[in-house]
Amino acid sequence: MINKSYSPADIVIRPANIDRPDEADAAQIARIYNHYVVTGGATFDNVQWPSSRVTALMEIGLPDAFYLADLDNQILGWASARRFSDRHGYLHACETAIYLDPDAIGRSVADLLQQQIEFHCREHGFHHAVAKIIASNQRSLAFHYRHGYELVGVQKEIGFVDNQWVDVAILQRIFD
């Protein structure tokens, strides 16, 4: 829970220390992600992540980039970019993701994280970004459309959650 009012100017977007992950950051990253594991609509995971899983993923270099929206050491959200595939032909393609503390939704935090991820992608030679979004997540779809992503397809009934088949929308953004 965010315990103070703030404006976008108060938020610092910073890289997570992937080489030596901070335990406090890992705990907050897990807390944010676990909200969506419990409430649904943004992930197919059904088991909450302990902070040790976040630390382990960072230590082995997954994802390639990890940025945090920090408000006085309180993480409001995080964004990641990772290679789309290890195959050589996909060298310039990445997959992005953004997760927010529920209290940060609608407060420009995702926009700040998206700007940083886009900058990172361009700086590191990515030409193509992919976002996989549960098709019923209209807020996330609208956000990505505002940021220049286009729908390129829907994987019908690819997931099975709460005894229901779930579609995933595949969006892409081509960087100039």
N, C-alpha and C. Protein backbone atom coordinates (compact mmCIF):
# COMPACT_ATOMS: atom_id res chain seq x y z
N MET A 1 0.84 -1.18 0.00
CA MET A 1 0.00 0.00 0.00
C MET A 1 0.89 1.24 0.00
N ILE A 2 0.59 2.15 -0.90
CA ILE A 2 1.36 3.38 -1.00
C ILE A 2 0.90 4.30 0.11
N ASN A 3 1.87 4.79 0.89
CA ASN A 3 1.50 5.50 2.10
C ASN A 3 1.63 7.01 2.02
N LYS A 4 1.69 7.58 0.81
CA LYS A 4 1.74 9.03 0.70
C LYS A 4 1.28 9.46 -0.68
N SER A 5 0.88 10.71 -0.78
CA SER A 5 0.53 11.23 -2.10
C SER A 5 1.82 11.60 -2.83
N TYR A 6 1.77 11.56 -4.15
CA TYR A 6 2.96 11.84 -4.93
C TYR A 6 2.56 12.26 -6.33
N SER A 7 3.51 12.83 -7.03
CA SER A 7 3.32 13.15 -8.44
C SER A 7 4.37 12.38 -9.23
N PRO A 8 4.21 12.28 -10.54
CA PRO A 8 5.22 11.57 -11.35
C PRO A 8 6.63 12.12 -11.16
N ALA A 9 6.75 13.40 -10.87
CA ALA A 9 8.08 14.00 -10.68
C ALA A 9 8.78 13.46 -9.44
N ASP A 10 8.03 12.88 -8.50
CA ASP A 10 8.62 12.33 -7.28
C ASP A 10 9.20 10.93 -7.47
N ILE A 11 8.89 10.31 -8.60
CA ILE A 11 9.26 8.91 -8.84
C ILE A 11 10.61 8.85 -9.55
N VAL A 12 11.46 7.98 -9.07
CA VAL A 12 12.75 7.73 -9.71
C VAL A 12 12.65 6.37 -10.41
N ILE A 13 12.93 6.36 -11.70
CA ILE A 13 13.01 5.09 -12.43
C ILE A 13 14.47 4.68 -12.42
N ARG A 14 14.74 3.53 -11.84
CA ARG A 14 16.13 3.08 -11.70
C ARG A 14 16.25 1.62 -12.08
N PRO A 15 17.45 1.24 -12.53
CA PRO A 15 17.63 -0.19 -12.81
C PRO A 15 17.71 -0.98 -11.51
N ALA A 16 17.18 -2.17 -11.54
CA ALA A 16 17.41 -3.10 -10.44
C ALA A 16 18.84 -3.59 -10.57
N ASN A 17 19.47 -3.85 -9.48
CA ASN A 17 20.85 -4.34 -9.52
C ASN A 17 20.81 -5.83 -9.82
N ILE A 18 20.96 -6.16 -11.08
CA ILE A 18 20.85 -7.56 -11.50
C ILE A 18 22.06 -8.37 -11.04
N ASP A 19 23.23 -7.74 -11.00
CA ASP A 19 24.43 -8.47 -10.60
C ASP A 19 24.41 -8.84 -9.11
N ARG A 20 23.89 -7.94 -8.29
CA ARG A 20 23.80 -8.20 -6.85
C ARG A 20 22.42 -7.72 -6.38
N PRO A 21 21.41 -8.55 -6.57
CA PRO A 21 20.04 -8.13 -6.25
C PRO A 21 19.89 -7.72 -4.79
N ASP A 22 19.13 -6.67 -4.58
CA ASP A 22 18.83 -6.17 -3.25
C ASP A 22 17.62 -6.94 -2.71
N GLU A 23 17.75 -7.47 -1.51
CA GLU A 23 16.67 -8.28 -0.93
C GLU A 23 15.38 -7.47 -0.73
N ALA A 24 15.53 -6.20 -0.33
CA ALA A 24 14.33 -5.37 -0.14
C ALA A 24 13.61 -5.15 -1.46
N ASP A 25 14.38 -4.89 -2.53
CA ASP A 25 13.77 -4.75 -3.85
C ASP A 25 13.09 -6.05 -4.27
N ALA A 26 13.77 -7.16 -4.07
CA ALA A 26 13.22 -8.46 -4.47
C ALA A 26 11.90 -8.74 -3.76
N ALA A 27 11.83 -8.40 -2.48
CA ALA A 27 10.60 -8.62 -1.72
C ALA A 27 9.45 -7.76 -2.27
N GLN A 28 9.75 -6.52 -2.64
CA GLN A 28 8.70 -5.64 -3.17
C GLN A 28 8.28 -6.05 -4.59
N ILE A 29 9.24 -6.49 -5.39
CA ILE A 29 8.93 -7.00 -6.73
C ILE A 29 8.00 -8.20 -6.61
N ALA A 30 8.35 -9.12 -5.72
CA ALA A 30 7.51 -10.31 -5.50
C ALA A 30 6.13 -9.91 -4.99
N ARG A 31 6.07 -8.96 -4.07
CA ARG A 31 4.77 -8.51 -3.53
C ARG A 31 3.86 -8.01 -4.65
N ILE A 32 4.42 -7.19 -5.54
CA ILE A 32 3.62 -6.66 -6.65
C ILE A 32 3.16 -7.78 -7.57
N TYR A 33 4.09 -8.65 -7.96
CA TYR A 33 3.73 -9.74 -8.87
C TYR A 33 2.69 -10.67 -8.23
N ASN A 34 2.88 -10.96 -6.96
CA ASN A 34 1.97 -11.89 -6.27
C ASN A 34 0.55 -11.36 -6.18
N HIS A 35 0.39 -10.06 -6.17
CA HIS A 35 -0.96 -9.49 -6.21
C HIS A 35 -1.71 -10.02 -7.43
N TYR A 36 -1.02 -10.07 -8.57
CA TYR A 36 -1.65 -10.52 -9.81
C TYR A 36 -1.79 -12.04 -9.87
N VAL A 37 -0.94 -12.76 -9.17
CA VAL A 37 -1.11 -14.22 -9.07
C VAL A 37 -2.42 -14.50 -8.32
N VAL A 38 -2.66 -13.74 -7.26
CA VAL A 38 -3.86 -13.94 -6.43
C VAL A 38 -5.12 -13.43 -7.12
N THR A 39 -5.05 -12.24 -7.71
CA THR A 39 -6.26 -11.63 -8.27
C THR A 39 -6.54 -12.04 -9.71
N GLY A 40 -5.53 -12.50 -10.42
CA GLY A 40 -5.70 -12.96 -11.80
C GLY A 40 -5.75 -11.83 -12.81
N GLY A 41 -5.84 -12.24 -14.07
CA GLY A 41 -6.00 -11.29 -15.16
C GLY A 41 -4.73 -10.76 -15.79
N ALA A 42 -3.56 -11.09 -15.21
CA ALA A 42 -2.32 -10.56 -15.76
C ALA A 42 -1.21 -11.60 -15.88
N THR A 43 -1.39 -12.76 -15.29
CA THR A 43 -0.38 -13.81 -15.35
C THR A 43 -1.06 -15.17 -15.29
N PHE A 44 -0.40 -16.16 -15.83
CA PHE A 44 -0.91 -17.52 -15.73
C PHE A 44 -0.29 -18.27 -14.54
N ASP A 45 0.60 -17.62 -13.81
CA ASP A 45 1.15 -18.26 -12.62
C ASP A 45 0.04 -18.50 -11.61
N ASN A 46 0.13 -19.62 -10.89
CA ASN A 46 -0.85 -19.89 -9.84
C ASN A 46 -0.18 -20.10 -8.49
N VAL A 47 1.13 -19.90 -8.45
CA VAL A 47 1.89 -20.01 -7.20
C VAL A 47 2.63 -18.70 -6.99
N GLN A 48 2.49 -18.14 -5.79
CA GLN A 48 3.16 -16.89 -5.50
C GLN A 48 4.67 -17.06 -5.47
N TRP A 49 5.37 -16.02 -5.87
CA TRP A 49 6.83 -16.03 -5.88
C TRP A 49 7.39 -15.61 -4.53
N PRO A 50 8.28 -16.39 -3.95
CA PRO A 50 9.05 -15.87 -2.82
C PRO A 50 10.09 -14.90 -3.36
N SER A 51 10.55 -14.00 -2.53
CA SER A 51 11.56 -13.03 -2.99
C SER A 51 12.82 -13.75 -3.47
N SER A 52 13.09 -14.94 -2.94
CA SER A 52 14.28 -15.69 -3.38
C SER A 52 14.18 -16.07 -4.86
N ARG A 53 12.97 -16.26 -5.36
CA ARG A 53 12.83 -16.56 -6.80
C ARG A 53 13.20 -15.34 -7.64
N VAL A 54 12.78 -14.15 -7.22
CA VAL A 54 13.15 -12.92 -7.92
C VAL A 54 14.66 -12.77 -7.92
N THR A 55 15.27 -12.97 -6.77
CA THR A 55 16.73 -12.87 -6.66
C THR A 55 17.41 -13.86 -7.58
N ALA A 56 16.94 -15.09 -7.60
CA ALA A 56 17.54 -16.13 -8.45
C ALA A 56 17.41 -15.78 -9.93
N LEU A 57 16.25 -15.28 -10.36
CA LEU A 57 16.06 -14.89 -11.75
C LEU A 57 17.03 -13.77 -12.14
N MET A 58 17.20 -12.82 -11.24
CA MET A 58 18.12 -11.72 -11.52
C MET A 58 19.57 -12.21 -11.60
N GLU A 59 19.93 -13.10 -10.71
CA GLU A 59 21.31 -13.59 -10.67
C GLU A 59 21.70 -14.36 -11.93
N ILE A 60 20.73 -15.02 -12.57
CA ILE A 60 21.07 -15.75 -13.80
C ILE A 60 20.85 -14.90 -15.05
N GLY A 61 20.50 -13.63 -14.84
CA GLY A 61 20.39 -12.72 -15.97
C GLY A 61 19.03 -12.68 -16.64
N LEU A 62 18.00 -13.16 -15.98
CA LEU A 62 16.64 -13.04 -16.51
C LEU A 62 15.89 -12.04 -15.67
N PRO A 63 15.36 -11.05 -16.19
CA PRO A 63 15.38 -10.63 -17.58
C PRO A 63 16.67 -9.89 -17.92
N ASP A 64 16.79 -9.47 -19.19
CA ASP A 64 17.96 -8.71 -19.62
C ASP A 64 17.98 -7.32 -19.00
N ALA A 65 16.81 -6.73 -18.82
CA ALA A 65 16.68 -5.40 -18.22
C ALA A 65 15.55 -5.44 -17.22
N PHE A 66 15.75 -4.75 -16.12
CA PHE A 66 14.75 -4.74 -15.05
C PHE A 66 14.80 -3.35 -14.43
N TYR A 67 13.71 -2.60 -14.54
CA TYR A 67 13.65 -1.24 -14.01
C TYR A 67 12.56 -1.13 -12.95
N LEU A 68 12.83 -0.30 -11.95
CA LEU A 68 11.92 -0.12 -10.83
C LEU A 68 11.45 1.32 -10.76
N ALA A 69 10.18 1.52 -10.44
CA ALA A 69 9.65 2.84 -10.14
C ALA A 69 9.72 2.99 -8.62
N ASP A 70 10.62 3.86 -8.18
CA ASP A 70 10.96 3.99 -6.76
C ASP A 70 10.47 5.33 -6.22
N LEU A 71 9.72 5.27 -5.14
CA LEU A 71 9.27 6.45 -4.42
C LEU A 71 9.78 6.32 -2.99
N ASP A 72 10.91 6.95 -2.70
CA ASP A 72 11.49 6.88 -1.35
C ASP A 72 11.65 5.45 -0.86
N ASN A 73 12.26 4.61 -1.70
CA ASN A 73 12.53 3.20 -1.41
C ASN A 73 11.27 2.33 -1.35
N GLN A 74 10.18 2.84 -1.81
CA GLN A 74 8.96 2.04 -1.95
C GLN A 74 8.77 1.80 -3.44
N ILE A 75 8.74 0.54 -3.85
CA ILE A 75 8.62 0.19 -5.25
C ILE A 75 7.15 0.25 -5.65
N LEU A 76 6.85 1.11 -6.63
CA LEU A 76 5.49 1.29 -7.11
C LEU A 76 5.17 0.39 -8.29
N GLY A 77 6.22 -0.10 -8.95
CA GLY A 77 6.03 -0.96 -10.11
C GLY A 77 7.36 -1.34 -10.69
N TRP A 78 7.31 -2.27 -11.63
CA TRP A 78 8.54 -2.70 -12.30
C TRP A 78 8.26 -3.05 -13.75
N ALA A 79 9.31 -2.94 -14.54
CA ALA A 79 9.23 -3.27 -15.96
C ALA A 79 10.43 -4.12 -16.33
N SER A 80 10.22 -5.03 -17.26
CA SER A 80 11.32 -5.89 -17.70
C SER A 80 11.31 -6.02 -19.21
N ALA A 81 12.48 -6.31 -19.73
CA ALA A 81 12.64 -6.65 -21.14
C ALA A 81 13.60 -7.83 -21.20
N ARG A 82 13.26 -8.79 -22.01
CA ARG A 82 14.14 -9.95 -22.19
C ARG A 82 14.10 -10.35 -23.65
N ARG A 83 15.14 -11.03 -24.07
CA ARG A 83 15.18 -11.49 -25.45
C ARG A 83 13.95 -12.34 -25.73
N PHE A 84 13.40 -12.16 -26.91
CA PHE A 84 12.23 -12.92 -27.32
C PHE A 84 12.57 -14.39 -27.46
N SER A 85 13.76 -14.69 -27.97
CA SER A 85 14.21 -16.06 -28.18
C SER A 85 15.73 -16.08 -28.22
N ASP A 86 16.30 -17.23 -27.89
CA ASP A 86 17.75 -17.40 -27.99
C ASP A 86 18.21 -17.63 -29.43
N ARG A 87 17.31 -17.92 -30.33
CA ARG A 87 17.68 -18.17 -31.72
C ARG A 87 18.21 -16.89 -32.36
N HIS A 88 19.26 -17.05 -33.16
CA HIS A 88 19.97 -15.91 -33.72
C HIS A 88 19.07 -14.96 -34.51
N GLY A 89 18.14 -15.47 -35.26
CA GLY A 89 17.28 -14.62 -36.08
C GLY A 89 16.41 -13.67 -35.28
N TYR A 90 16.23 -13.96 -33.99
CA TYR A 90 15.44 -13.10 -33.12
C TYR A 90 16.31 -12.14 -32.30
N LEU A 91 17.55 -11.98 -32.68
CA LEU A 91 18.51 -11.18 -31.92
C LEU A 91 17.99 -9.78 -31.60
N HIS A 92 17.20 -9.20 -32.46
CA HIS A 92 16.74 -7.82 -32.28
C HIS A 92 15.29 -7.73 -31.81
N ALA A 93 14.78 -8.82 -31.25
CA ALA A 93 13.41 -8.84 -30.74
C ALA A 93 13.42 -9.11 -29.23
N CYS A 94 12.54 -8.41 -28.52
CA CYS A 94 12.45 -8.61 -27.07
C CYS A 94 10.98 -8.70 -26.67
N GLU A 95 10.77 -9.21 -25.46
CA GLU A 95 9.44 -9.25 -24.85
C GLU A 95 9.46 -8.35 -23.63
N THR A 96 8.45 -7.51 -23.48
CA THR A 96 8.40 -6.58 -22.37
C THR A 96 7.23 -6.91 -21.44
N ALA A 97 7.36 -6.46 -20.19
CA ALA A 97 6.29 -6.64 -19.21
C ALA A 97 6.36 -5.50 -18.20
N ILE A 98 5.21 -5.10 -17.71
CA ILE A 98 5.12 -4.08 -16.66
C ILE A 98 4.09 -4.56 -15.64
N TYR A 99 4.45 -4.45 -14.37
CA TYR A 99 3.53 -4.76 -13.27
C TYR A 99 3.55 -3.60 -12.29
N LEU A 100 2.38 -3.22 -11.79
CA LEU A 100 2.25 -2.09 -10.88
C LEU A 100 1.64 -2.50 -9.55
N ASP A 101 2.07 -1.82 -8.49
CA ASP A 101 1.35 -1.88 -7.24
C ASP A 101 -0.08 -1.42 -7.57
N PRO A 102 -1.10 -2.11 -7.09
CA PRO A 102 -2.46 -1.72 -7.46
C PRO A 102 -2.79 -0.26 -7.11
N ASP A 103 -2.17 0.28 -6.07
CA ASP A 103 -2.42 1.67 -5.70
C ASP A 103 -1.74 2.66 -6.64
N ALA A 104 -0.85 2.18 -7.51
CA ALA A 104 -0.15 3.05 -8.46
C ALA A 104 -0.83 3.10 -9.83
N ILE A 105 -1.84 2.28 -10.03
CA ILE A 105 -2.53 2.24 -11.32
C ILE A 105 -3.22 3.59 -11.57
N GLY A 106 -3.06 4.09 -12.79
CA GLY A 106 -3.68 5.34 -13.17
C GLY A 106 -2.96 6.58 -12.69
N ARG A 107 -1.71 6.42 -12.24
CA ARG A 107 -0.97 7.56 -11.70
C ARG A 107 0.33 7.83 -12.46
N SER A 108 0.38 7.43 -13.71
CA SER A 108 1.51 7.69 -14.64
C SER A 108 2.74 6.84 -14.39
N VAL A 109 2.70 5.95 -13.42
CA VAL A 109 3.86 5.11 -13.12
C VAL A 109 4.18 4.20 -14.31
N ALA A 110 3.16 3.58 -14.88
CA ALA A 110 3.39 2.69 -16.02
C ALA A 110 3.96 3.45 -17.21
N ASP A 111 3.51 4.68 -17.42
CA ASP A 111 4.05 5.49 -18.52
C ASP A 111 5.54 5.73 -18.33
N LEU A 112 5.95 6.06 -17.12
CA LEU A 112 7.37 6.29 -16.84
C LEU A 112 8.19 5.02 -17.06
N LEU A 113 7.68 3.90 -16.60
CA LEU A 113 8.38 2.63 -16.81
C LEU A 113 8.46 2.28 -18.29
N GLN A 114 7.37 2.49 -19.01
CA GLN A 114 7.36 2.19 -20.45
C GLN A 114 8.38 3.05 -21.19
N GLN A 115 8.46 4.32 -20.85
CA GLN A 115 9.45 5.20 -21.49
C GLN A 115 10.86 4.67 -21.27
N GLN A 116 11.14 4.21 -20.05
CA GLN A 116 12.48 3.69 -19.75
C GLN A 116 12.76 2.39 -20.51
N ILE A 117 11.78 1.51 -20.55
CA ILE A 117 11.97 0.25 -21.28
C ILE A 117 12.19 0.53 -22.77
N GLU A 118 11.42 1.45 -23.33
CA GLU A 118 11.61 1.80 -24.74
C GLU A 118 13.02 2.35 -24.98
N PHE A 119 13.47 3.23 -24.09
CA PHE A 119 14.82 3.78 -24.21
C PHE A 119 15.85 2.65 -24.16
N HIS A 120 15.69 1.75 -23.21
CA HIS A 120 16.62 0.62 -23.07
C HIS A 120 16.62 -0.22 -24.35
N CYS A 121 15.45 -0.53 -24.86
CA CYS A 121 15.35 -1.37 -26.06
C CYS A 121 16.07 -0.73 -27.24
N ARG A 122 15.83 0.54 -27.45
CA ARG A 122 16.48 1.24 -28.56
C ARG A 122 18.00 1.27 -28.36
N GLU A 123 18.41 1.60 -27.14
CA GLU A 123 19.84 1.71 -26.83
C GLU A 123 20.58 0.39 -27.01
N HIS A 124 19.88 -0.72 -26.81
CA HIS A 124 20.51 -2.04 -26.90
C HIS A 124 20.21 -2.76 -28.22
N GLY A 125 19.76 -2.01 -29.21
CA GLY A 125 19.64 -2.56 -30.56
C GLY A 125 18.41 -3.39 -30.84
N PHE A 126 17.42 -3.32 -29.96
CA PHE A 126 16.18 -4.04 -30.25
C PHE A 126 15.37 -3.26 -31.28
N HIS A 127 14.82 -3.96 -32.23
CA HIS A 127 14.02 -3.35 -33.29
C HIS A 127 12.53 -3.65 -33.09
N HIS A 128 12.24 -4.70 -32.35
CA HIS A 128 10.88 -5.23 -32.25
C HIS A 128 10.62 -5.61 -30.79
N ALA A 129 9.51 -5.14 -30.24
CA ALA A 129 9.10 -5.53 -28.89
C ALA A 129 7.76 -6.23 -28.96
N VAL A 130 7.62 -7.27 -28.16
CA VAL A 130 6.39 -8.06 -28.07
C VAL A 130 5.84 -7.94 -26.65
N ALA A 131 4.53 -7.83 -26.54
CA ALA A 131 3.86 -7.91 -25.25
C ALA A 131 2.76 -8.96 -25.38
N LYS A 132 2.76 -9.91 -24.45
CA LYS A 132 1.71 -10.94 -24.41
C LYS A 132 0.78 -10.57 -23.27
N ILE A 133 -0.49 -10.36 -23.60
CA ILE A 133 -1.45 -9.83 -22.63
C ILE A 133 -2.70 -10.70 -22.63
N ILE A 134 -3.16 -11.07 -21.44
CA ILE A 134 -4.41 -11.80 -21.35
C ILE A 134 -5.48 -10.95 -22.02
N ALA A 135 -6.17 -11.53 -22.99
CA ALA A 135 -7.04 -10.76 -23.89
C ALA A 135 -8.17 -10.03 -23.17
N SER A 136 -8.56 -10.47 -22.00
CA SER A 136 -9.62 -9.78 -21.26
C SER A 136 -9.09 -8.60 -20.45
N ASN A 137 -7.78 -8.38 -20.43
CA ASN A 137 -7.18 -7.30 -19.65
C ASN A 137 -7.22 -6.00 -20.48
N GLN A 138 -8.40 -5.40 -20.53
CA GLN A 138 -8.62 -4.23 -21.37
C GLN A 138 -7.74 -3.04 -20.97
N ARG A 139 -7.47 -2.86 -19.69
CA ARG A 139 -6.63 -1.74 -19.26
C ARG A 139 -5.22 -1.88 -19.83
N SER A 140 -4.66 -3.07 -19.77
CA SER A 140 -3.31 -3.29 -20.30
C SER A 140 -3.28 -3.14 -21.81
N LEU A 141 -4.29 -3.66 -22.48
CA LEU A 141 -4.36 -3.51 -23.94
C LEU A 141 -4.41 -2.03 -24.32
N ALA A 142 -5.26 -1.26 -23.67
CA ALA A 142 -5.38 0.17 -23.97
C ALA A 142 -4.06 0.90 -23.71
N PHE A 143 -3.40 0.54 -22.62
CA PHE A 143 -2.10 1.14 -22.30
C PHE A 143 -1.10 0.89 -23.43
N HIS A 144 -1.00 -0.34 -23.86
CA HIS A 144 -0.04 -0.68 -24.92
C HIS A 144 -0.39 0.00 -26.24
N TYR A 145 -1.66 0.07 -26.58
CA TYR A 145 -2.06 0.79 -27.80
C TYR A 145 -1.63 2.25 -27.72
N ARG A 146 -1.81 2.88 -26.56
CA ARG A 146 -1.39 4.28 -26.39
C ARG A 146 0.10 4.45 -26.60
N HIS A 147 0.86 3.39 -26.34
CA HIS A 147 2.32 3.45 -26.47
C HIS A 147 2.81 2.88 -27.79
N GLY A 148 1.94 2.79 -28.77
CA GLY A 148 2.36 2.43 -30.12
C GLY A 148 2.39 0.96 -30.45
N TYR A 149 1.91 0.11 -29.56
CA TYR A 149 1.84 -1.32 -29.86
C TYR A 149 0.63 -1.58 -30.74
N GLU A 150 0.73 -2.61 -31.56
CA GLU A 150 -0.37 -3.02 -32.43
C GLU A 150 -0.69 -4.49 -32.17
N LEU A 151 -1.96 -4.82 -32.25
CA LEU A 151 -2.38 -6.21 -32.12
C LEU A 151 -1.99 -6.95 -33.39
N VAL A 152 -1.26 -8.06 -33.22
CA VAL A 152 -0.87 -8.86 -34.39
C VAL A 152 -1.53 -10.24 -34.38
N GLY A 153 -2.17 -10.58 -33.27
CA GLY A 153 -2.85 -11.86 -33.23
C GLY A 153 -3.36 -12.18 -31.84
N VAL A 154 -4.20 -13.19 -31.79
CA VAL A 154 -4.73 -13.69 -30.53
C VAL A 154 -4.54 -15.19 -30.52
N GLN A 155 -3.91 -15.68 -29.47
CA GLN A 155 -3.78 -17.12 -29.28
C GLN A 155 -5.02 -17.57 -28.51
N LYS A 156 -5.90 -18.23 -29.20
CA LYS A 156 -7.18 -18.66 -28.62
C LYS A 156 -6.97 -19.81 -27.65
N GLU A 157 -7.57 -19.67 -26.48
CA GLU A 157 -7.61 -20.73 -25.48
C GLU A 157 -6.24 -21.35 -25.22
N ILE A 158 -5.22 -20.52 -25.13
CA ILE A 158 -3.87 -21.03 -24.88
C ILE A 158 -3.61 -21.28 -23.40
N GLY A 159 -4.34 -20.58 -22.54
CA GLY A 159 -4.18 -20.76 -21.11
C GLY A 159 -5.42 -21.36 -20.49
N PHE A 160 -5.23 -22.00 -19.34
CA PHE A 160 -6.36 -22.59 -18.62
C PHE A 160 -6.25 -22.13 -17.18
N VAL A 161 -7.14 -21.23 -16.76
CA VAL A 161 -7.08 -20.63 -15.44
C VAL A 161 -8.48 -20.67 -14.82
N ASP A 162 -8.56 -21.08 -13.58
CA ASP A 162 -9.84 -21.13 -12.86
C ASP A 162 -10.91 -21.87 -13.67
N ASN A 163 -10.51 -23.01 -14.22
CA ASN A 163 -11.42 -23.87 -14.99
C ASN A 163 -11.99 -23.20 -16.23
N GLN A 164 -11.24 -22.25 -16.79
CA GLN A 164 -11.67 -21.58 -18.01
C GLN A 164 -10.50 -21.46 -18.97
N TRP A 165 -10.80 -21.58 -20.27
CA TRP A 165 -9.80 -21.33 -21.29
C TRP A 165 -9.63 -19.82 -21.44
N VAL A 166 -8.39 -19.39 -21.60
CA VAL A 166 -8.07 -17.96 -21.66
C VAL A 166 -7.28 -17.67 -22.93
N ASP A 167 -7.68 -16.59 -23.62
CA ASP A 167 -6.98 -16.13 -24.82
C ASP A 167 -5.86 -15.16 -24.43
N VAL A 168 -4.82 -15.12 -25.25
CA VAL A 168 -3.72 -14.17 -25.06
C VAL A 168 -3.58 -13.34 -26.33
N ALA A 169 -3.58 -12.02 -26.15
CA ALA A 169 -3.36 -11.10 -27.26
C ALA A 169 -1.85 -10.90 -27.42
N ILE A 170 -1.39 -10.94 -28.66
CA ILE A 170 0.02 -10.70 -28.97
C ILE A 170 0.11 -9.32 -29.61
N LEU A 171 0.84 -8.43 -28.95
CA LEU A 171 1.02 -7.08 -29.47
C LEU A 171 2.49 -6.88 -29.82
N GLN A 172 2.75 -6.01 -30.78
CA GLN A 172 4.14 -5.72 -31.13
C GLN A 172 4.32 -4.22 -31.33
N ARG A 173 5.55 -3.81 -31.15
CA ARG A 173 5.95 -2.43 -31.42
C ARG A 173 7.25 -2.49 -32.19
N ILE A 174 7.28 -1.81 -33.33
CA ILE A 174 8.51 -1.72 -34.11
C ILE A 174 9.15 -0.38 -33.78
N PHE A 175 10.42 -0.43 -33.38
CA PHE A 175 11.15 0.80 -33.08
C PHE A 175 11.81 1.32 -34.34
N ASP A 176 11.77 2.61 -34.52
CA ASP A 176 12.39 3.24 -35.70
C ASP A 176 13.90 3.09 -35.66
